Amino acid sequence: MKDLLITHIKDIDGLSPVILMNLWGKSFEYKLLDTFEVGTYLTELLTQDLQDYEHIYIVDLTVPEEIYPMIEKSKDRHKFLIFDHHETHNYARSYPYVTLDMEECGTTLFYQYLQTQGLSTNPSLDQYIEAVKDLDLWTFEKNHNTLSPQLGSLLELLGETRYIDEITALLRVETQSFTFSPFLNRLLELEEENKKRYIDKREERMIRGTLFKDVNIGMVYAEKYRSEIGDELLKRHPDLDVIVIVNMNGGISLRSRDVDVSKIASYFGGGGHIHASGIGIPLEIRKEVFKTLLKGEIHIED
């Protein structure tokens, strides 16, 4: 039998569980989802015959509260194992198949579980997992973990599938320290130069505003470098409380220094962490923006 892994498409904390399953060597399928897609996907999944799956893992995603009664009624309830670390998921603590820990990331929780199931570890893999955690919890500066932002940059460069393949190949070779290939090192060097130029241009076009009357925000439009843009612009503009990064092809990212942006994201239907959260942009809203920009002169086919 095979397993089904359902995880987050947006960052390395969501993709790394796929890498761990690759290393484990067990047959599996995986599905990458954005946060706003979880409810619809699981609703449909729970109407299907799941007999081909031994386990159904959900990692780094908040399962909507209304989905849990459906899981409870399912004859396949015993197959579900959920690993998450978002505060917006606190209502699920009572379910025995849910593991929640806000001090960890989805990858570390899943890693700990797979170790109990026989996944072997080594110093290189441990170092990689720690870097994923530091990037996702935004503690890499405090912990002086230079590998974390490099991994984030690599995902932006390679995309989800290539990132998974490249990191899996590196981690299959057990070493004492996680090391990039010469090709990836050169790629990262060039990317650092591009990143600085990209952030500078976004800063030039930043829009300032106020959210909830007393939260000073800077808003930029960007398709990549969400964490890096948020971190850098907060440093450059200490008067701003929150940086809002809008990607119309993806979603809205919130980065802060002191404000709990998970509460802001939750208010608008998203979620995340205290200093790094996100809000999905449904397709219908993207269509409305398109029509508004073209002043109603366009008809969008469904």
C-alpha atoms as a PDB file:
ATOM      1  CA  MET A   1       0.000   0.000   0.000  1.00  0.00           C
ATOM      2  CA  LYS A   2       1.022   3.601  -0.492  1.00  0.00           C
ATOM      3  CA  ASP A   3       0.700   6.753   1.586  1.00  0.00           C
ATOM      4  CA  LEU A   4      -0.792  10.126   0.676  1.00  0.00           C
ATOM      5  CA  LEU A   5       1.016  13.278   1.784  1.00  0.00           C
ATOM      6  CA  ILE A   6      -0.869  16.582   1.698  1.00  0.00           C
ATOM      7  CA  THR A   7       1.299  19.594   2.397  1.00  0.00           C
ATOM      8  CA  HIS A   8       1.835  23.302   1.801  1.00  0.00           C
ATOM      9  CA  ILE A   9       2.959  24.506  -1.621  1.00  0.00           C
ATOM     10  CA  LYS A  10       4.321  27.893  -0.561  1.00  0.00           C
ATOM     11  CA  ASP A  11       7.593  27.325   1.260  1.00  0.00           C
ATOM     12  CA  ILE A  12      10.347  24.893   2.200  1.00  0.00           C
ATOM     13  CA  ASP A  13       8.499  23.848   5.355  1.00  0.00           C
ATOM     14  CA  GLY A  14       5.744  22.534   3.113  1.00  0.00           C
ATOM     15  CA  LEU A  15       8.045  20.929   0.544  1.00  0.00           C
ATOM     16  CA  SER A  16      10.497  19.303   2.951  1.00  0.00           C
ATOM     17  CA  PRO A  17       8.033  16.605   4.089  1.00  0.00           C
ATOM     18  CA  VAL A  18       8.037  15.416   0.461  1.00  0.00           C
ATOM     19  CA  ILE A  19      11.836  15.227   0.626  1.00  0.00           C
ATOM     20  CA  LEU A  20      11.620  13.235   3.869  1.00  0.00           C
ATOM     21  CA  MET A  21       9.203  10.779   2.283  1.00  0.00           C
ATOM     22  CA  ASN A  22      11.606  10.407  -0.663  1.00  0.00           C
ATOM     23  CA  LEU A  23      14.412   9.588   1.768  1.00  0.00           C
ATOM     24  CA  TRP A  24      12.223   7.156   3.688  1.00  0.00           C
ATOM     25  CA  GLY A  25      11.715   5.201   0.486  1.00  0.00           C
ATOM     26  CA  LYS A  26       8.107   4.183   0.989  1.00  0.00           C
ATOM     27  CA  SER A  27       5.653   4.383  -1.920  1.00  0.00           C
ATOM     28  CA  PHE A  28       3.598   7.577  -1.722  1.00  0.00           C
ATOM     29  CA  GLU A  29       1.730  10.258  -3.610  1.00  0.00           C
ATOM     30  CA  TYR A  30       1.716  13.905  -2.633  1.00  0.00           C
ATOM     31  CA  LYS A  31      -0.496  16.930  -3.136  1.00  0.00           C
ATOM     32  CA  LEU A  32       0.701  20.520  -2.676  1.00  0.00           C
ATOM     33  CA  LEU A  33      -2.007  22.962  -1.604  1.00  0.00           C
ATOM     34  CA  ASP A  34      -2.378  26.614  -0.804  1.00  0.00           C
ATOM     35  CA  THR A  35      -4.101  27.372   2.495  1.00  0.00           C
ATOM     36  CA  PHE A  36      -7.425  28.395   0.951  1.00  0.00           C
ATOM     37  CA  GLU A  37      -7.603  25.138  -1.046  1.00  0.00           C
ATOM     38  CA  VAL A  38      -7.456  22.781   1.949  1.00  0.00           C
ATOM     39  CA  GLY A  39     -11.153  22.693   2.810  1.00  0.00           C
ATOM     40  CA  THR A  40     -12.351  22.040  -0.730  1.00  0.00           C
ATOM     41  CA  TYR A  41      -9.709  19.385  -1.377  1.00  0.00           C
ATOM     42  CA  LEU A  42     -10.362  17.458   1.840  1.00  0.00           C
ATOM     43  CA  THR A  43     -14.137  17.648   1.402  1.00  0.00           C
ATOM     44  CA  GLU A  44     -13.788  15.957  -1.980  1.00  0.00           C
ATOM     45  CA  LEU A  45     -11.148  13.516  -0.738  1.00  0.00           C
ATOM     46  CA  LEU A  46     -13.428  12.298   2.044  1.00  0.00           C
ATOM     47  CA  THR A  47     -16.092  11.334  -0.492  1.00  0.00           C
ATOM     48  CA  GLN A  48     -13.671   9.016  -2.297  1.00  0.00           C
ATOM     49  CA  ASP A  49     -12.627   5.428  -1.718  1.00  0.00           C
ATOM     50  CA  LEU A  50      -9.374   5.660   0.249  1.00  0.00           C
ATOM     51  CA  GLN A  51      -8.624   1.941   0.490  1.00  0.00           C
ATOM     52  CA  ASP A  52      -5.401   2.289  -1.542  1.00  0.00           C
ATOM     53  CA  TYR A  53      -3.813   4.473   1.151  1.00  0.00           C
ATOM     54  CA  GLU A  54      -2.283   3.140   4.318  1.00  0.00           C
ATOM     55  CA  HIS A  55      -1.755   6.581   5.820  1.00  0.00           C
ATOM     56  CA  ILE A  56      -2.898  10.088   4.919  1.00  0.00           C
ATOM     57  CA  TYR A  57      -0.460  12.683   6.241  1.00  0.00           C
ATOM     58  CA  ILE A  58      -1.381  16.374   6.394  1.00  0.00           C
ATOM     59  CA  VAL A  59       1.596  18.600   7.199  1.00  0.00           C
ATOM     60  CA  ASP A  60       2.029  22.366   7.664  1.00  0.00           C
ATOM     61  CA  LEU A  61      -1.608  23.082   6.814  1.00  0.00           C
ATOM     62  CA  THR A  62      -4.466  24.220   9.023  1.00  0.00           C
ATOM     63  CA  VAL A  63      -7.399  21.885   8.477  1.00  0.00           C
ATOM     64  CA  PRO A  64     -10.641  23.914   8.656  1.00  0.00           C
ATOM     65  CA  GLU A  65     -12.665  23.229  11.786  1.00  0.00           C
ATOM     66  CA  GLU A  66     -15.691  22.055   9.790  1.00  0.00           C
ATOM     67  CA  ILE A  67     -13.622  19.265   8.187  1.00  0.00           C
ATOM     68  CA  TYR A  68     -12.947  17.435  11.456  1.00  0.00           C
ATOM     69  CA  PRO A  69     -16.512  16.116  11.901  1.00  0.00           C
ATOM     70  CA  MET A  70     -16.215  14.699   8.399  1.00  0.00           C
ATOM     71  CA  ILE A  71     -12.962  12.940   9.283  1.00  0.00           C
ATOM     72  CA  GLU A  72     -14.524  11.626  12.488  1.00  0.00           C
ATOM     73  CA  LYS A  73     -17.421  10.090  10.558  1.00  0.00           C
ATOM     74  CA  SER A  74     -15.153   8.535   7.937  1.00  0.00           C
ATOM     75  CA  LYS A  75     -14.417   4.810   8.055  1.00  0.00           C
ATOM     76  CA  ASP A  76     -10.832   5.816   7.163  1.00  0.00           C
ATOM     77  CA  ARG A  77     -10.365   8.094  10.176  1.00  0.00           C
ATOM     78  CA  HIS A  78      -7.557   5.863  11.480  1.00  0.00           C
ATOM     79  CA  LYS A  79      -5.484   6.644   8.400  1.00  0.00           C
ATOM     80  CA  PHE A  80      -5.206  10.374   9.099  1.00  0.00           C
ATOM     81  CA  LEU A  81      -2.181  11.898  10.841  1.00  0.00           C
ATOM     82  CA  ILE A  82      -1.929  15.695  10.989  1.00  0.00           C
ATOM     83  CA  PHE A  83       1.196  17.686  11.893  1.00  0.00           C
ATOM     84  CA  ASP A  84       0.966  21.447  12.217  1.00  0.00           C
ATOM     85  CA  HIS A  85       2.282  24.410  14.173  1.00  0.00           C
ATOM     86  CA  HIS A  86      -0.063  27.296  13.384  1.00  0.00           C
ATOM     87  CA  GLU A  87      -1.853  28.990  16.277  1.00  0.00           C
ATOM     88  CA  THR A  88      -5.001  29.229  14.155  1.00  0.00           C
ATOM     89  CA  HIS A  89      -5.215  25.415  14.383  1.00  0.00           C
ATOM     90  CA  ASN A  90      -5.561  25.271  18.169  1.00  0.00           C
ATOM     91  CA  TYR A  91      -9.145  23.994  18.008  1.00  0.00           C
ATOM     92  CA  ALA A  92      -7.830  20.609  16.776  1.00  0.00           C
ATOM     93  CA  ARG A  93      -5.797  19.750  19.886  1.00  0.00           C
ATOM     94  CA  SER A  94      -8.367  17.297  21.209  1.00  0.00           C
ATOM     95  CA  TYR A  95      -8.145  14.949  18.222  1.00  0.00           C
ATOM     96  CA  PRO A  96      -5.739  12.062  18.891  1.00  0.00           C
ATOM     97  CA  TYR A  97      -4.384  11.988  15.343  1.00  0.00           C
ATOM     98  CA  VAL A  98      -3.355  15.675  15.426  1.00  0.00           C
ATOM     99  CA  THR A  99       0.096  16.827  16.560  1.00  0.00           C
ATOM    100  CA  LEU A 100       0.359  20.571  17.235  1.00  0.00           C
ATOM    101  CA  ASP A 101       3.425  22.394  18.521  1.00  0.00           C
ATOM    102  CA  MET A 102       3.903  26.120  17.917  1.00  0.00           C
ATOM    103  CA  GLU A 103       7.571  25.925  18.933  1.00  0.00           C
ATOM    104  CA  GLU A 104       8.341  23.666  15.981  1.00  0.00           C
ATOM    105  CA  CYS A 105       7.594  23.755  12.261  1.00  0.00           C
ATOM    106  CA  GLY A 106       5.648  21.230  10.198  1.00  0.00           C
ATOM    107  CA  THR A 107       8.837  19.629   8.903  1.00  0.00           C
ATOM    108  CA  THR A 108      10.369  19.047  12.343  1.00  0.00           C
ATOM    109  CA  LEU A 109       7.155  17.495  13.657  1.00  0.00           C
ATOM    110  CA  PHE A 110       6.927  15.176  10.663  1.00  0.00           C
ATOM    111  CA  TYR A 111      10.644  14.384  10.910  1.00  0.00           C
ATOM    112  CA  GLN A 112      10.262  13.382  14.548  1.00  0.00           C
ATOM    113  CA  TYR A 113       7.368  11.100  13.629  1.00  0.00           C
ATOM    114  CA  LEU A 114       9.191   9.449  10.711  1.00  0.00           C
ATOM    115  CA  GLN A 115      12.178   8.728  12.949  1.00  0.00           C
ATOM    116  CA  THR A 116       9.870   6.642  15.156  1.00  0.00           C
ATOM    117  CA  GLN A 117       8.861   4.762  11.999  1.00  0.00           C
ATOM    118  CA  GLY A 118      12.393   3.898  10.969  1.00  0.00           C
ATOM    119  CA  LEU A 119      13.709   6.876   8.981  1.00  0.00           C
ATOM    120  CA  SER A 120      17.462   7.018   9.561  1.00  0.00           C
ATOM    121  CA  THR A 121      19.131  10.316  10.398  1.00  0.00           C
ATOM    122  CA  ASN A 122      22.572  11.819   9.881  1.00  0.00           C
ATOM    123  CA  PRO A 123      24.292  15.164  10.638  1.00  0.00           C
ATOM    124  CA  SER A 124      23.613  16.585   7.166  1.00  0.00           C
ATOM    125  CA  LEU A 125      19.893  15.850   7.378  1.00  0.00           C
ATOM    126  CA  ASP A 126      19.684  17.219  10.924  1.00  0.00           C
ATOM    127  CA  GLN A 127      21.354  20.427   9.781  1.00  0.00           C
ATOM    128  CA  TYR A 128      18.938  20.762   6.874  1.00  0.00           C
ATOM    129  CA  ILE A 129      15.896  20.232   9.106  1.00  0.00           C
ATOM    130  CA  GLU A 130      17.144  22.861  11.562  1.00  0.00           C
ATOM    131  CA  ALA A 131      17.606  25.346   8.713  1.00  0.00           C
ATOM    132  CA  VAL A 132      14.044  24.732   7.532  1.00  0.00           C
ATOM    133  CA  LYS A 133      12.763  25.400  11.052  1.00  0.00           C
ATOM    134  CA  ASP A 134      14.795  28.594  11.440  1.00  0.00           C
ATOM    135  CA  LEU A 135      13.528  29.964   8.136  1.00  0.00           C
ATOM    136  CA  ASP A 136       9.912  29.072   8.787  1.00  0.00           C
ATOM    137  CA  LEU A 137       9.898  30.471  12.341  1.00  0.00           C
ATOM    138  CA  TRP A 138      12.023  33.399  11.208  1.00  0.00           C
ATOM    139  CA  THR A 139      14.709  32.698  13.806  1.00  0.00           C
ATOM    140  CA  PHE A 140      17.627  32.317  11.395  1.00  0.00           C
ATOM    141  CA  GLU A 141      19.133  35.726  12.232  1.00  0.00           C
ATOM    142  CA  LYS A 142      18.940  35.120  15.965  1.00  0.00           C
ATOM    143  CA  ASN A 143      20.483  31.669  15.506  1.00  0.00           C
ATOM    144  CA  HIS A 144      23.008  32.890  12.902  1.00  0.00           C
ATOM    145  CA  ASN A 145      21.804  30.231  10.483  1.00  0.00           C
ATOM    146  CA  THR A 146      23.006  31.378   7.054  1.00  0.00           C
ATOM    147  CA  LEU A 147      21.769  28.174   5.412  1.00  0.00           C
ATOM    148  CA  SER A 148      18.108  29.093   5.998  1.00  0.00           C
ATOM    149  CA  PRO A 149      17.838  32.103   3.651  1.00  0.00           C
ATOM    150  CA  GLN A 150      19.926  30.241   1.063  1.00  0.00           C
ATOM    151  CA  LEU A 151      17.328  27.462   1.020  1.00  0.00           C
ATOM    152  CA  GLY A 152      14.561  30.017   0.638  1.00  0.00           C
ATOM    153  CA  SER A 153      16.381  31.600  -2.291  1.00  0.00           C
ATOM    154  CA  LEU A 154      16.925  28.207  -3.874  1.00  0.00           C
ATOM    155  CA  LEU A 155      13.210  27.491  -3.839  1.00  0.00           C
ATOM    156  CA  GLU A 156      12.518  30.803  -5.568  1.00  0.00           C
ATOM    157  CA  LEU A 157      15.098  29.918  -8.209  1.00  0.00           C
ATOM    158  CA  LEU A 158      14.229  26.305  -8.874  1.00  0.00           C
ATOM    159  CA  GLY A 159      10.502  26.041  -8.208  1.00  0.00           C
ATOM    160  CA  GLU A 160       8.811  23.320  -6.165  1.00  0.00           C
ATOM    161  CA  THR A 161       9.574  20.197  -8.224  1.00  0.00           C
ATOM    162  CA  ARG A 162      13.225  20.988  -9.002  1.00  0.00           C
ATOM    163  CA  TYR A 163      13.851  22.060  -5.396  1.00  0.00           C
ATOM    164  CA  ILE A 164      12.506  18.751  -4.112  1.00  0.00           C
ATOM    165  CA  ASP A 165      14.632  16.793  -6.599  1.00  0.00           C
ATOM    166  CA  GLU A 166      17.866  18.725  -5.949  1.00  0.00           C
ATOM    167  CA  ILE A 167      17.644  18.639  -2.144  1.00  0.00           C
ATOM    168  CA  THR A 168      16.627  14.972  -2.136  1.00  0.00           C
ATOM    169  CA  ALA A 169      19.714  14.136  -4.220  1.00  0.00           C
ATOM    170  CA  LEU A 170      21.991  16.087  -1.854  1.00  0.00           C
ATOM    171  CA  LEU A 171      20.547  14.443   1.247  1.00  0.00           C
ATOM    172  CA  ARG A 172      20.791  10.922  -0.150  1.00  0.00           C
ATOM    173  CA  VAL A 173      24.565  11.283   0.299  1.00  0.00           C
ATOM    174  CA  GLU A 174      25.141  11.054   4.056  1.00  0.00           C
ATOM    175  CA  THR A 175      27.777  13.603   5.121  1.00  0.00           C
ATOM    176  CA  GLN A 176      28.815  15.395   8.304  1.00  0.00           C
ATOM    177  CA  SER A 177      27.647  18.764   6.992  1.00  0.00           C
ATOM    178  CA  PHE A 178      25.003  19.884   4.524  1.00  0.00           C
ATOM    179  CA  THR A 179      26.769  21.182   1.407  1.00  0.00           C
ATOM    180  CA  PHE A 180      25.481  22.593  -1.867  1.00  0.00           C
ATOM    181  CA  SER A 181      26.896  21.428  -5.172  1.00  0.00           C
ATOM    182  CA  PRO A 182      29.264  23.870  -6.984  1.00  0.00           C
ATOM    183  CA  PHE A 183      26.478  24.609  -9.464  1.00  0.00           C
ATOM    184  CA  LEU A 184      23.993  25.530  -6.735  1.00  0.00           C
ATOM    185  CA  ASN A 185      26.604  27.629  -4.918  1.00  0.00           C
ATOM    186  CA  ARG A 186      27.245  29.697  -8.048  1.00  0.00           C
ATOM    187  CA  LEU A 187      23.521  30.006  -8.637  1.00  0.00           C
ATOM    188  CA  LEU A 188      23.070  31.370  -5.108  1.00  0.00           C
ATOM    189  CA  GLU A 189      25.874  33.906  -5.567  1.00  0.00           C
ATOM    190  CA  LEU A 190      24.229  35.319  -8.676  1.00  0.00           C
ATOM    191  CA  GLU A 191      20.856  35.258  -6.976  1.00  0.00           C
ATOM    192  CA  GLU A 192      22.079  37.430  -4.088  1.00  0.00           C
ATOM    193  CA  GLU A 193      22.921  40.153  -6.567  1.00  0.00           C
ATOM    194  CA  ASN A 194      19.529  39.852  -8.263  1.00  0.00           C
ATOM    195  CA  LYS A 195      17.723  39.828  -4.928  1.00  0.00           C
ATOM    196  CA  LYS A 196      19.185  43.146  -3.802  1.00  0.00           C
ATOM    197  CA  ARG A 197      18.177  44.830  -7.062  1.00  0.00           C
ATOM    198  CA  TYR A 198      14.688  43.317  -6.803  1.00  0.00           C
ATOM    199  CA  ILE A 199      14.150  44.526  -3.229  1.00  0.00           C
ATOM    200  CA  ASP A 200      15.440  48.024  -4.079  1.00  0.00           C
ATOM    201  CA  LYS A 201      12.933  48.346  -6.923  1.00  0.00           C
ATOM    202  CA  ARG A 202      10.051  47.148  -4.753  1.00  0.00           C
ATOM    203  CA  GLU A 203      11.020  49.632  -2.066  1.00  0.00           C
ATOM    204  CA  GLU A 204      10.839  52.481  -4.594  1.00  0.00           C
ATOM    205  CA  ARG A 205       7.204  51.569  -5.321  1.00  0.00           C
ATOM    206  CA  MET A 206       6.117  50.827  -1.748  1.00  0.00           C
ATOM    207  CA  ILE A 207       2.718  52.165  -0.717  1.00  0.00           C
ATOM    208  CA  ARG A 208       2.281  53.294   2.881  1.00  0.00           C
ATOM    209  CA  GLY A 209      -0.949  52.988   4.809  1.00  0.00           C
ATOM    210  CA  THR A 210      -2.630  52.247   8.117  1.00  0.00           C
ATOM    211  CA  LEU A 211      -4.424  49.036   9.074  1.00  0.00           C
ATOM    212  CA  PHE A 212      -6.995  48.923  11.897  1.00  0.00           C
ATOM    213  CA  LYS A 213      -6.219  52.644  12.488  1.00  0.00           C
ATOM    214  CA  ASP A 214      -3.001  52.131  14.435  1.00  0.00           C
ATOM    215  CA  VAL A 215      -0.860  49.601  12.513  1.00  0.00           C
ATOM    216  CA  ASN A 216       1.513  51.316  10.076  1.00  0.00           C
ATOM    217  CA  ILE A 217       2.052  49.223   6.974  1.00  0.00           C
ATOM    218  CA  GLY A 218       4.151  49.304   3.844  1.00  0.00           C
ATOM    219  CA  MET A 219       2.679  47.418   0.892  1.00  0.00           C
ATOM    220  CA  VAL A 220       4.617  46.137  -2.106  1.00  0.00           C
ATOM    221  CA  TYR A 221       3.752  43.923  -5.052  1.00  0.00           C
ATOM    222  CA  ALA A 222       6.183  41.050  -5.512  1.00  0.00           C
ATOM    223  CA  GLU A 223       6.145  37.483  -6.791  1.00  0.00           C
ATOM    224  CA  LYS A 224       9.238  36.272  -4.931  1.00  0.00           C
ATOM    225  CA  TYR A 225      11.534  36.844  -1.943  1.00  0.00           C
ATOM    226  CA  ARG A 226       8.617  37.354   0.444  1.00  0.00           C
ATOM    227  CA  SER A 227      10.539  36.744   3.658  1.00  0.00           C
ATOM    228  CA  GLU A 228      13.620  38.600   2.450  1.00  0.00           C
ATOM    229  CA  ILE A 229      11.578  41.627   1.334  1.00  0.00           C
ATOM    230  CA  GLY A 230       9.710  41.717   4.633  1.00  0.00           C
ATOM    231  CA  ASP A 231      12.860  41.395   6.699  1.00  0.00           C
ATOM    232  CA  GLU A 232      14.845  43.984   4.740  1.00  0.00           C
ATOM    233  CA  LEU A 233      12.092  46.611   4.510  1.00  0.00           C
ATOM    234  CA  LEU A 234      11.372  46.352   8.236  1.00  0.00           C
ATOM    235  CA  LYS A 235      15.060  47.087   8.829  1.00  0.00           C
ATOM    236  CA  ARG A 236      15.094  50.006   6.407  1.00  0.00           C
ATOM    237  CA  HIS A 237      11.842  51.505   7.727  1.00  0.00           C
ATOM    238  CA  PRO A 238      11.649  51.211  11.541  1.00  0.00           C
ATOM    239  CA  ASP A 239       8.512  53.362  11.566  1.00  0.00           C
ATOM    240  CA  LEU A 240       6.549  50.569   9.852  1.00  0.00           C
ATOM    241  CA  ASP A 241       4.910  47.820  11.908  1.00  0.00           C
ATOM    242  CA  VAL A 242       4.016  45.408   9.105  1.00  0.00           C
ATOM    243  CA  ILE A 243       5.195  44.799   5.554  1.00  0.00           C
ATOM    244  CA  VAL A 244       2.469  43.475   3.235  1.00  0.00           C
ATOM    245  CA  ILE A 245       3.703  41.618   0.150  1.00  0.00           C
ATOM    246  CA  VAL A 246       1.037  41.049  -2.501  1.00  0.00           C
ATOM    247  CA  ASN A 247       1.501  38.340  -5.127  1.00  0.00           C
ATOM    248  CA  MET A 248      -1.570  38.187  -7.359  1.00  0.00           C
ATOM    249  CA  ASN A 249      -0.461  34.759  -8.608  1.00  0.00           C
ATOM    250  CA  GLY A 250      -0.248  33.455  -5.068  1.00  0.00           C
ATOM    251  CA  GLY A 251      -1.383  35.322  -1.989  1.00  0.00           C
ATOM    252  CA  ILE A 252      -0.665  38.070   0.521  1.00  0.00           C
ATOM    253  CA  SER A 253       2.280  37.703   2.896  1.00  0.00           C
ATOM    254  CA  LEU A 254       2.545  39.619   6.164  1.00  0.00           C
ATOM    255  CA  ARG A 255       5.851  40.221   7.935  1.00  0.00           C
ATOM    256  CA  SER A 256       6.287  42.108  11.206  1.00  0.00           C
ATOM    257  CA  ARG A 257       8.739  43.061  13.889  1.00  0.00           C
ATOM    258  CA  ASP A 258       6.462  43.247  16.957  1.00  0.00           C
ATOM    259  CA  VAL A 259       2.849  42.945  15.728  1.00  0.00           C
ATOM    260  CA  ASP A 260       1.137  39.534  15.820  1.00  0.00           C
ATOM    261  CA  VAL A 261       0.293  39.232  12.132  1.00  0.00           C
ATOM    262  CA  SER A 262      -1.270  35.780  12.619  1.00  0.00           C
ATOM    263  CA  LYS A 263      -4.276  37.590  14.145  1.00  0.00           C
ATOM    264  CA  ILE A 264      -4.456  39.954  11.178  1.00  0.00           C
ATOM    265  CA  ALA A 265      -4.226  37.051   8.730  1.00  0.00           C
ATOM    266  CA  SER A 266      -6.882  35.101  10.646  1.00  0.00           C
ATOM    267  CA  TYR A 267      -9.247  38.109  10.490  1.00  0.00           C
ATOM    268  CA  PHE A 268      -8.982  38.009   6.695  1.00  0.00           C
ATOM    269  CA  GLY A 269      -9.292  34.225   6.403  1.00  0.00           C
ATOM    270  CA  GLY A 270      -5.600  33.339   6.469  1.00  0.00           C
ATOM    271  CA  GLY A 271      -3.196  32.186   9.136  1.00  0.00           C
ATOM    272  CA  GLY A 272       0.385  31.622  10.117  1.00  0.00           C
ATOM    273  CA  HIS A 273       2.811  32.725  12.784  1.00  0.00           C
ATOM    274  CA  ILE A 274       3.289  35.775  14.996  1.00  0.00           C
ATOM    275  CA  HIS A 275       5.809  37.480  12.707  1.00  0.00           C
ATOM    276  CA  ALA A 276       5.098  35.740   9.390  1.00  0.00           C
ATOM    277  CA  SER A 277       1.619  34.928   8.097  1.00  0.00           C
ATOM    278  CA  GLY A 278      -0.337  34.750   4.874  1.00  0.00           C
ATOM    279  CA  ILE A 279      -3.724  35.274   3.263  1.00  0.00           C
ATOM    280  CA  GLY A 280      -4.831  33.483   0.105  1.00  0.00           C
ATOM    281  CA  ILE A 281      -6.252  35.341  -2.879  1.00  0.00           C
ATOM    282  CA  PRO A 282      -9.102  33.262  -4.365  1.00  0.00           C
ATOM    283  CA  LEU A 283      -9.476  33.115  -8.133  1.00  0.00           C
ATOM    284  CA  GLU A 284     -12.730  35.105  -8.077  1.00  0.00           C
ATOM    285  CA  ILE A 285     -11.020  38.063  -6.439  1.00  0.00           C
ATOM    286  CA  ARG A 286      -8.206  37.950  -8.996  1.00  0.00           C
ATOM    287  CA  LYS A 287     -10.829  38.062 -11.763  1.00  0.00           C
ATOM    288  CA  GLU A 288     -12.499  41.090 -10.166  1.00  0.00           C
ATOM    289  CA  VAL A 289      -9.179  42.903  -9.950  1.00  0.00           C
ATOM    290  CA  PHE A 290      -8.563  42.169 -13.618  1.00  0.00           C
ATOM    291  CA  LYS A 291     -11.979  43.508 -14.605  1.00  0.00           C
ATOM    292  CA  THR A 292     -11.585  46.584 -12.399  1.00  0.00           C
ATOM    293  CA  LEU A 293      -8.223  47.447 -13.931  1.00  0.00           C
ATOM    294  CA  LEU A 294      -9.720  47.247 -17.417  1.00  0.00           C
ATOM    295  CA  LYS A 295     -12.795  49.198 -16.302  1.00  0.00           C
ATOM    296  CA  GLY A 296     -15.336  46.528 -17.134  1.00  0.00           C
ATOM    297  CA  GLU A 297     -14.234  46.229 -20.750  1.00  0.00           C
ATOM    298  CA  ILE A 298     -13.324  42.564 -20.437  1.00  0.00           C
ATOM    299  CA  HIS A 299     -15.388  39.398 -20.283  1.00  0.00           C
ATOM    300  CA  ILE A 300     -13.694  36.510 -18.446  1.00  0.00           C
ATOM    301  CA  GLU A 301     -14.611  33.017 -19.561  1.00  0.00           C
ATOM    302  CA  ASP A 302     -15.209  30.458 -16.760  1.00  0.00           C
END
